[in-house]
Amino acid sequence: MMILGAAVIVLAICQVWLRLQVTSMGYELSAGRGLQAKLENHRAELEIELETLTRPERLAKEAKLRLGLVAPKRGQVVDLR
């Protein structure tokens, strides 16, 4: 009878431990999903910033202001094809 009682106690402890593990994994999964959403939002913001920074109009303006570059004059461009 004691062996049966001990087995029931061990099984009850195992069930409680498993429930705690499931709850813990649920919290970790929820945190992971939150982080994923945050990173997806950040990625979208970075893509918008990249598109803004690489616009040809902006690049031409920066080339002129920062580097003093101007459009090439006739005869300065050589086609190598």
Protein backbone atom coordinates (compact mmCIF):
# COMPACT_ATOMS: atom_id res chain seq x y z
CA MET A 1 0.00 0.00 0.00
CA MET A 2 2.91 2.32 0.75
CA ILE A 3 4.40 1.67 -2.67
CA LEU A 4 1.10 2.55 -4.32
CA GLY A 5 0.84 5.72 -2.22
CA ALA A 6 4.43 6.70 -3.09
CA ALA A 7 3.73 6.10 -6.80
CA VAL A 8 0.63 8.33 -6.63
CA ILE A 9 2.64 11.07 -4.90
CA VAL A 10 5.44 10.82 -7.49
CA LEU A 11 2.91 10.99 -10.33
CA ALA A 12 1.21 14.01 -8.74
CA ILE A 13 4.58 15.78 -8.39
CA CYS A 14 5.39 14.97 -12.03
CA GLN A 15 2.05 16.38 -13.16
CA VAL A 16 2.61 19.61 -11.20
CA TRP A 17 6.14 19.90 -12.63
CA LEU A 18 4.83 19.38 -16.16
CA ARG A 19 2.14 22.04 -15.70
CA LEU A 20 4.79 24.47 -14.46
CA GLN A 21 6.93 23.69 -17.51
CA VAL A 22 3.99 24.28 -19.86
CA THR A 23 3.22 27.60 -18.18
CA SER A 24 6.86 28.64 -18.35
CA MET A 25 7.09 27.73 -22.03
CA GLY A 26 3.88 29.69 -22.66
CA TYR A 27 5.44 32.80 -21.13
CA GLU A 28 8.61 32.32 -23.20
CA LEU A 29 6.56 31.86 -26.37
CA SER A 30 4.57 35.00 -25.63
CA ALA A 31 7.76 36.99 -25.05
CA GLY A 32 9.23 35.61 -28.28
CA ARG A 33 6.16 36.63 -30.26
CA GLY A 34 6.34 40.12 -28.78
CA LEU A 35 10.00 40.40 -29.73
CA GLN A 36 9.22 39.14 -33.23
CA ALA A 37 6.53 41.80 -33.71
CA LYS A 38 8.88 44.49 -32.42
CA LEU A 39 11.65 43.37 -34.79
CA GLU A 40 9.27 43.22 -37.76
CA ASN A 41 8.17 46.80 -37.05
CA HIS A 42 11.79 47.92 -36.77
CA ARG A 43 12.63 46.17 -40.05
CA ALA A 44 9.76 47.96 -41.81
CA GLU A 45 11.00 51.29 -40.47
CA LEU A 46 14.52 50.54 -41.68
CA GLU A 47 13.26 49.58 -45.14
CA ILE A 48 11.42 52.91 -45.39
CA GLU A 49 14.54 54.75 -44.26
CA LEU A 50 16.65 52.87 -46.81
CA GLU A 51 14.24 53.74 -49.61
CA THR A 52 14.29 57.38 -48.53
CA LEU A 53 18.08 57.57 -48.32
CA THR A 54 18.69 55.86 -51.67
CA ARG A 55 16.29 57.97 -53.74
CA PRO A 56 18.13 59.19 -56.86
CA GLU A 57 17.09 62.80 -56.20
CA ARG A 58 18.52 62.71 -52.71
CA LEU A 59 21.73 61.04 -53.83
CA ALA A 60 22.22 63.64 -56.56
CA LYS A 61 21.68 66.45 -54.05
CA GLU A 62 24.14 64.93 -51.58
CA ALA A 63 26.72 64.35 -54.34
CA LYS A 64 26.49 67.99 -55.34
CA LEU A 65 26.50 69.46 -51.81
CA ARG A 66 29.00 67.17 -50.06
CA LEU A 67 31.33 66.20 -52.88
CA GLY A 68 30.91 69.05 -55.32
CA LEU A 69 29.97 66.67 -58.12
CA VAL A 70 28.05 67.92 -61.14
CA ALA A 71 26.43 66.23 -64.10
CA PRO A 72 28.99 65.21 -66.74
CA LYS A 73 29.44 67.43 -69.74
CA ARG A 74 29.21 66.19 -73.28
CA GLY A 75 32.20 64.03 -74.14
CA GLN A 76 33.07 63.16 -70.54
CA VAL A 77 31.11 59.91 -70.56
CA VAL A 78 32.65 56.98 -72.45
CA ASP A 79 30.51 53.96 -73.26
CA LEU A 80 32.67 50.80 -72.86
CA ARG A 81 30.29 48.33 -74.45
